Amino acid sequence: MIAALIIIGIIVLAAVFAIGNYNSLVRLRNQVDNAWSQIDVQLKRRHDLIPNLVETAKGYMKHEQQTLENITNARAKAMQADSVADKSAKETELSGAISQFYLVVENYPDLKANQNFLAVQEELTSTENKISFARQGYNDQVLFYNNKIQMFPSNIIAGMFNFGKRDFFEIEDETERDVPRVSFD
């Protein structure tokens, strides 16, 4: 009789453990999905602002068609990306095209003074900041989730129910990685 109660107690404890770990993994997976949706909202906003920026600049930048086409093509590629890794790569390309665009804009003082251009540029800058914050939140959630599915004992439940590792959302910005060179020549 006592042996049966001990066995039942062990089974109940194992079930509570399994259910608790499973629910924890589901919660973390849903938090990752929610964090990704926050990034997706900001990326859509960014993609929606770029045509306004390009359209405003067209009248001033008649000799810069290639720059305008580059930003438009990069936007189209970014909008078609589907996986986190693919979005990371395409958004990096788009960020590069936007940076190149802003470098070219420096040659057009009338454009830099245009109120419509300044308003769209300010919205885009604000959106870039929101993307950075959303990316940080997403990556934090991915870290928590990936840790949970890889650590014992929750990795047992994760393996049983096919909880897979998630990718971080990283935008490579080569300018951030380059070491500035100082020369006094």
C-alpha atoms as a PDB file:
ATOM      1  CA  MET A   1       0.000   0.000   0.000  1.00  0.00           C
ATOM      2  CA  ILE A   2       2.753   2.473   0.943  1.00  0.00           C
ATOM      3  CA  ALA A   3       4.737   1.527  -2.163  1.00  0.00           C
ATOM      4  CA  ALA A   4       1.679   2.252  -4.322  1.00  0.00           C
ATOM      5  CA  LEU A   5       1.246   5.688  -2.702  1.00  0.00           C
ATOM      6  CA  ILE A   6       4.919   6.471  -3.257  1.00  0.00           C
ATOM      7  CA  ILE A   7       4.657   5.469  -6.902  1.00  0.00           C
ATOM      8  CA  ILE A   8       1.502   7.551  -7.336  1.00  0.00           C
ATOM      9  CA  GLY A   9       3.244  10.487  -5.631  1.00  0.00           C
ATOM     10  CA  ILE A  10       6.233  10.182  -7.960  1.00  0.00           C
ATOM     11  CA  ILE A  11       3.946  10.030 -10.997  1.00  0.00           C
ATOM     12  CA  VAL A  12       2.020  13.105  -9.820  1.00  0.00           C
ATOM     13  CA  LEU A  13       5.265  15.028  -9.191  1.00  0.00           C
ATOM     14  CA  ALA A  14       6.613  14.044 -12.621  1.00  0.00           C
ATOM     15  CA  ALA A  15       3.350  15.147 -14.239  1.00  0.00           C
ATOM     16  CA  VAL A  16       3.399  18.492 -12.398  1.00  0.00           C
ATOM     17  CA  PHE A  17       7.037  18.956 -13.406  1.00  0.00           C
ATOM     18  CA  ALA A  18       6.305  18.140 -17.059  1.00  0.00           C
ATOM     19  CA  ILE A  19       3.212  20.350 -17.199  1.00  0.00           C
ATOM     20  CA  GLY A  20       5.041  23.242 -15.533  1.00  0.00           C
ATOM     21  CA  ASN A  21       7.978  23.010 -17.928  1.00  0.00           C
ATOM     22  CA  TYR A  22       5.729  22.642 -20.957  1.00  0.00           C
ATOM     23  CA  ASN A  23       3.641  25.683 -19.962  1.00  0.00           C
ATOM     24  CA  SER A  24       6.802  27.688 -19.320  1.00  0.00           C
ATOM     25  CA  LEU A  25       8.127  26.819 -22.779  1.00  0.00           C
ATOM     26  CA  VAL A  26       4.815  27.744 -24.416  1.00  0.00           C
ATOM     27  CA  ARG A  27       4.806  31.091 -22.565  1.00  0.00           C
ATOM     28  CA  LEU A  28       8.368  31.855 -23.663  1.00  0.00           C
ATOM     29  CA  ARG A  29       7.666  30.832 -27.267  1.00  0.00           C
ATOM     30  CA  ASN A  30       4.625  33.111 -27.313  1.00  0.00           C
ATOM     31  CA  GLN A  31       6.691  35.963 -25.861  1.00  0.00           C
ATOM     32  CA  VAL A  32       9.236  35.497 -28.666  1.00  0.00           C
ATOM     33  CA  ASP A  33       6.412  35.577 -31.229  1.00  0.00           C
ATOM     34  CA  ASN A  34       4.965  38.705 -29.635  1.00  0.00           C
ATOM     35  CA  ALA A  35       8.363  40.408 -29.608  1.00  0.00           C
ATOM     36  CA  TRP A  36       8.812  39.508 -33.274  1.00  0.00           C
ATOM     37  CA  SER A  37       5.430  41.045 -34.110  1.00  0.00           C
ATOM     38  CA  GLN A  38       6.612  44.295 -32.480  1.00  0.00           C
ATOM     39  CA  ILE A  39       9.618  44.331 -34.815  1.00  0.00           C
ATOM     40  CA  ASP A  40       7.425  43.461 -37.780  1.00  0.00           C
ATOM     41  CA  VAL A  41       5.140  46.429 -37.069  1.00  0.00           C
ATOM     42  CA  GLN A  42       8.099  48.812 -37.027  1.00  0.00           C
ATOM     43  CA  LEU A  43       9.643  47.288 -40.152  1.00  0.00           C
ATOM     44  CA  LYS A  44       6.337  47.748 -41.984  1.00  0.00           C
ATOM     45  CA  ARG A  45       6.248  51.368 -40.843  1.00  0.00           C
ATOM     46  CA  ARG A  46       9.814  51.801 -42.118  1.00  0.00           C
ATOM     47  CA  HIS A  47       8.910  50.218 -45.443  1.00  0.00           C
ATOM     48  CA  ASP A  48       5.869  52.512 -45.738  1.00  0.00           C
ATOM     49  CA  LEU A  49       7.933  55.650 -45.086  1.00  0.00           C
ATOM     50  CA  ILE A  50      10.633  54.974 -47.671  1.00  0.00           C
ATOM     51  CA  PRO A  51       8.489  55.665 -50.775  1.00  0.00           C
ATOM     52  CA  ASN A  52       7.563  59.065 -49.298  1.00  0.00           C
ATOM     53  CA  LEU A  53      11.219  59.830 -48.704  1.00  0.00           C
ATOM     54  CA  VAL A  54      12.185  58.789 -52.230  1.00  0.00           C
ATOM     55  CA  GLU A  55       9.271  60.670 -53.794  1.00  0.00           C
ATOM     56  CA  THR A  56      10.158  63.852 -51.934  1.00  0.00           C
ATOM     57  CA  ALA A  57      13.783  63.572 -53.039  1.00  0.00           C
ATOM     58  CA  LYS A  58      13.070  62.757 -56.711  1.00  0.00           C
ATOM     59  CA  GLY A  59      12.508  66.348 -57.729  1.00  0.00           C
ATOM     60  CA  TYR A  60      15.838  67.432 -56.303  1.00  0.00           C
ATOM     61  CA  MET A  61      17.966  64.433 -57.151  1.00  0.00           C
ATOM     62  CA  LYS A  62      17.423  64.047 -60.886  1.00  0.00           C
ATOM     63  CA  HIS A  63      21.038  62.945 -61.398  1.00  0.00           C
ATOM     64  CA  GLU A  64      20.924  60.360 -58.618  1.00  0.00           C
ATOM     65  CA  GLN A  65      18.563  57.790 -60.155  1.00  0.00           C
ATOM     66  CA  GLN A  66      20.807  54.873 -59.167  1.00  0.00           C
ATOM     67  CA  THR A  67      20.700  55.865 -55.489  1.00  0.00           C
ATOM     68  CA  LEU A  68      16.917  56.119 -55.590  1.00  0.00           C
ATOM     69  CA  GLU A  69      16.635  52.776 -57.383  1.00  0.00           C
ATOM     70  CA  ASN A  70      18.966  51.122 -54.852  1.00  0.00           C
ATOM     71  CA  ILE A  71      16.832  52.186 -51.912  1.00  0.00           C
ATOM     72  CA  THR A  72      13.630  51.150 -53.701  1.00  0.00           C
ATOM     73  CA  ASN A  73      15.059  47.728 -54.636  1.00  0.00           C
ATOM     74  CA  ALA A  74      16.417  47.150 -51.142  1.00  0.00           C
ATOM     75  CA  ARG A  75      12.990  47.987 -49.701  1.00  0.00           C
ATOM     76  CA  ALA A  76      11.287  45.525 -52.051  1.00  0.00           C
ATOM     77  CA  LYS A  77      13.723  42.751 -51.072  1.00  0.00           C
ATOM     78  CA  ALA A  78      13.249  43.490 -47.364  1.00  0.00           C
ATOM     79  CA  MET A  79       9.472  43.321 -47.715  1.00  0.00           C
ATOM     80  CA  GLN A  80       9.703  39.882 -49.356  1.00  0.00           C
ATOM     81  CA  ALA A  81      11.970  38.330 -46.712  1.00  0.00           C
ATOM     82  CA  ASP A  82      10.252  35.720 -44.600  1.00  0.00           C
ATOM     83  CA  SER A  83      12.607  34.153 -42.059  1.00  0.00           C
ATOM     84  CA  VAL A  84      14.343  36.032 -39.253  1.00  0.00           C
ATOM     85  CA  ALA A  85      17.756  35.367 -40.838  1.00  0.00           C
ATOM     86  CA  ASP A  86      16.547  36.508 -44.259  1.00  0.00           C
ATOM     87  CA  LYS A  87      14.933  39.631 -42.790  1.00  0.00           C
ATOM     88  CA  SER A  88      18.166  40.394 -40.927  1.00  0.00           C
ATOM     89  CA  ALA A  89      20.170  40.219 -44.154  1.00  0.00           C
ATOM     90  CA  LYS A  90      17.689  42.207 -46.214  1.00  0.00           C
ATOM     91  CA  GLU A  91      17.193  44.862 -43.533  1.00  0.00           C
ATOM     92  CA  THR A  92      20.984  45.261 -43.346  1.00  0.00           C
ATOM     93  CA  GLU A  93      20.983  45.867 -47.098  1.00  0.00           C
ATOM     94  CA  LEU A  94      18.154  48.380 -46.725  1.00  0.00           C
ATOM     95  CA  SER A  95      19.974  50.181 -43.915  1.00  0.00           C
ATOM     96  CA  GLY A  96      23.021  50.467 -46.165  1.00  0.00           C
ATOM     97  CA  ALA A  97      20.918  51.895 -48.989  1.00  0.00           C
ATOM     98  CA  ILE A  98      19.349  54.427 -46.613  1.00  0.00           C
ATOM     99  CA  SER A  99      22.793  55.445 -45.326  1.00  0.00           C
ATOM    100  CA  GLN A 100      24.037  55.879 -48.901  1.00  0.00           C
ATOM    101  CA  PHE A 101      20.934  57.905 -49.693  1.00  0.00           C
ATOM    102  CA  TYR A 102      21.592  60.245 -46.753  1.00  0.00           C
ATOM    103  CA  LEU A 103      25.193  60.699 -47.887  1.00  0.00           C
ATOM    104  CA  VAL A 104      24.001  61.767 -51.332  1.00  0.00           C
ATOM    105  CA  VAL A 105      21.385  64.084 -49.794  1.00  0.00           C
ATOM    106  CA  GLU A 106      24.248  66.101 -48.286  1.00  0.00           C
ATOM    107  CA  ASN A 107      24.961  67.410 -51.817  1.00  0.00           C
ATOM    108  CA  TYR A 108      21.461  68.934 -52.075  1.00  0.00           C
ATOM    109  CA  PRO A 109      21.018  71.805 -49.608  1.00  0.00           C
ATOM    110  CA  ASP A 110      17.569  72.675 -50.992  1.00  0.00           C
ATOM    111  CA  LEU A 111      16.385  69.131 -50.348  1.00  0.00           C
ATOM    112  CA  LYS A 112      17.829  69.140 -46.826  1.00  0.00           C
ATOM    113  CA  ALA A 113      15.820  72.309 -46.149  1.00  0.00           C
ATOM    114  CA  ASN A 114      12.546  70.962 -47.617  1.00  0.00           C
ATOM    115  CA  GLN A 115       9.940  70.657 -44.845  1.00  0.00           C
ATOM    116  CA  ASN A 116       8.305  67.544 -46.306  1.00  0.00           C
ATOM    117  CA  PHE A 117      11.670  65.829 -46.583  1.00  0.00           C
ATOM    118  CA  LEU A 118      12.609  66.830 -43.046  1.00  0.00           C
ATOM    119  CA  ALA A 119       9.291  65.517 -41.688  1.00  0.00           C
ATOM    120  CA  VAL A 120       9.654  62.147 -43.421  1.00  0.00           C
ATOM    121  CA  GLN A 121      13.314  61.949 -42.389  1.00  0.00           C
ATOM    122  CA  GLU A 122      12.346  62.601 -38.765  1.00  0.00           C
ATOM    123  CA  GLU A 123       9.645  59.896 -38.920  1.00  0.00           C
ATOM    124  CA  LEU A 124      12.118  57.454 -40.411  1.00  0.00           C
ATOM    125  CA  THR A 125      14.711  58.257 -37.733  1.00  0.00           C
ATOM    126  CA  SER A 126      12.097  57.755 -35.034  1.00  0.00           C
ATOM    127  CA  THR A 127      11.097  54.448 -36.597  1.00  0.00           C
ATOM    128  CA  GLU A 128      14.737  53.325 -36.754  1.00  0.00           C
ATOM    129  CA  ASN A 129      14.976  53.952 -33.002  1.00  0.00           C
ATOM    130  CA  LYS A 130      11.788  51.966 -32.395  1.00  0.00           C
ATOM    131  CA  ILE A 131      13.171  49.107 -34.482  1.00  0.00           C
ATOM    132  CA  SER A 132      16.322  49.104 -32.346  1.00  0.00           C
ATOM    133  CA  PHE A 133      14.314  48.919 -29.127  1.00  0.00           C
ATOM    134  CA  ALA A 134      12.007  46.232 -30.529  1.00  0.00           C
ATOM    135  CA  ARG A 135      15.020  44.255 -31.786  1.00  0.00           C
ATOM    136  CA  GLN A 136      16.592  44.407 -28.328  1.00  0.00           C
ATOM    137  CA  GLY A 137      13.352  43.184 -26.724  1.00  0.00           C
ATOM    138  CA  TYR A 138      13.013  40.384 -29.261  1.00  0.00           C
ATOM    139  CA  ASN A 139      16.608  39.260 -28.831  1.00  0.00           C
ATOM    140  CA  ASP A 140      16.164  39.254 -25.038  1.00  0.00           C
ATOM    141  CA  GLN A 141      13.116  36.997 -25.380  1.00  0.00           C
ATOM    142  CA  VAL A 142      14.963  34.713 -27.801  1.00  0.00           C
ATOM    143  CA  LEU A 143      17.822  34.447 -25.310  1.00  0.00           C
ATOM    144  CA  PHE A 144      15.433  33.439 -22.481  1.00  0.00           C
ATOM    145  CA  TYR A 145      13.641  30.959 -24.734  1.00  0.00           C
ATOM    146  CA  ASN A 146      16.804  29.412 -26.189  1.00  0.00           C
ATOM    147  CA  ASN A 147      18.302  29.083 -22.711  1.00  0.00           C
ATOM    148  CA  LYS A 148      15.168  27.345 -21.455  1.00  0.00           C
ATOM    149  CA  ILE A 149      15.050  24.795 -24.281  1.00  0.00           C
ATOM    150  CA  GLN A 150      18.747  24.006 -23.906  1.00  0.00           C
ATOM    151  CA  MET A 151      19.009  23.734 -20.095  1.00  0.00           C
ATOM    152  CA  PHE A 152      18.342  20.629 -18.100  1.00  0.00           C
ATOM    153  CA  PRO A 153      15.692  19.515 -17.191  1.00  0.00           C
ATOM    154  CA  SER A 154      13.428  21.611 -19.426  1.00  0.00           C
ATOM    155  CA  ASN A 155      15.418  20.475 -22.480  1.00  0.00           C
ATOM    156  CA  ILE A 156      13.787  17.055 -22.044  1.00  0.00           C
ATOM    157  CA  ILE A 157      10.300  18.516 -22.413  1.00  0.00           C
ATOM    158  CA  ALA A 158      11.496  20.831 -25.217  1.00  0.00           C
ATOM    159  CA  GLY A 159      12.843  17.850 -27.125  1.00  0.00           C
ATOM    160  CA  MET A 160       9.689  15.793 -26.589  1.00  0.00           C
ATOM    161  CA  PHE A 161       7.435  18.559 -27.933  1.00  0.00           C
ATOM    162  CA  ASN A 162       9.729  19.907 -30.682  1.00  0.00           C
ATOM    163  CA  PHE A 163      10.442  23.330 -29.240  1.00  0.00           C
ATOM    164  CA  GLY A 164      13.113  24.578 -31.637  1.00  0.00           C
ATOM    165  CA  LYS A 165      15.837  27.164 -31.255  1.00  0.00           C
ATOM    166  CA  ARG A 166      14.987  30.665 -32.504  1.00  0.00           C
ATOM    167  CA  ASP A 167      17.285  33.009 -34.422  1.00  0.00           C
ATOM    168  CA  PHE A 168      18.349  36.386 -33.113  1.00  0.00           C
ATOM    169  CA  PHE A 169      17.481  39.423 -35.218  1.00  0.00           C
ATOM    170  CA  GLU A 170      20.789  41.024 -36.022  1.00  0.00           C
ATOM    171  CA  ILE A 171      21.356  43.843 -38.438  1.00  0.00           C
ATOM    172  CA  GLU A 172      24.978  43.963 -39.437  1.00  0.00           C
ATOM    173  CA  ASP A 173      26.176  47.516 -39.684  1.00  0.00           C
ATOM    174  CA  GLU A 174      29.711  47.517 -41.000  1.00  0.00           C
ATOM    175  CA  THR A 175      30.176  51.150 -40.019  1.00  0.00           C
ATOM    176  CA  GLU A 176      29.705  50.205 -36.358  1.00  0.00           C
ATOM    177  CA  ARG A 177      32.372  47.520 -36.628  1.00  0.00           C
ATOM    178  CA  ASP A 178      34.965  49.599 -38.459  1.00  0.00           C
ATOM    179  CA  VAL A 179      37.644  51.085 -36.271  1.00  0.00           C
ATOM    180  CA  PRO A 180      38.013  54.795 -37.035  1.00  0.00           C
ATOM    181  CA  ARG A 181      41.438  55.772 -38.263  1.00  0.00           C
ATOM    182  CA  VAL A 182      43.007  58.905 -36.889  1.00  0.00           C
ATOM    183  CA  SER A 183      45.666  60.657 -38.910  1.00  0.00           C
ATOM    184  CA  PHE A 184      47.379  63.953 -38.221  1.00  0.00           C
ATOM    185  CA  ASP A 185      49.068  64.207 -41.653  1.00  0.00           C
END
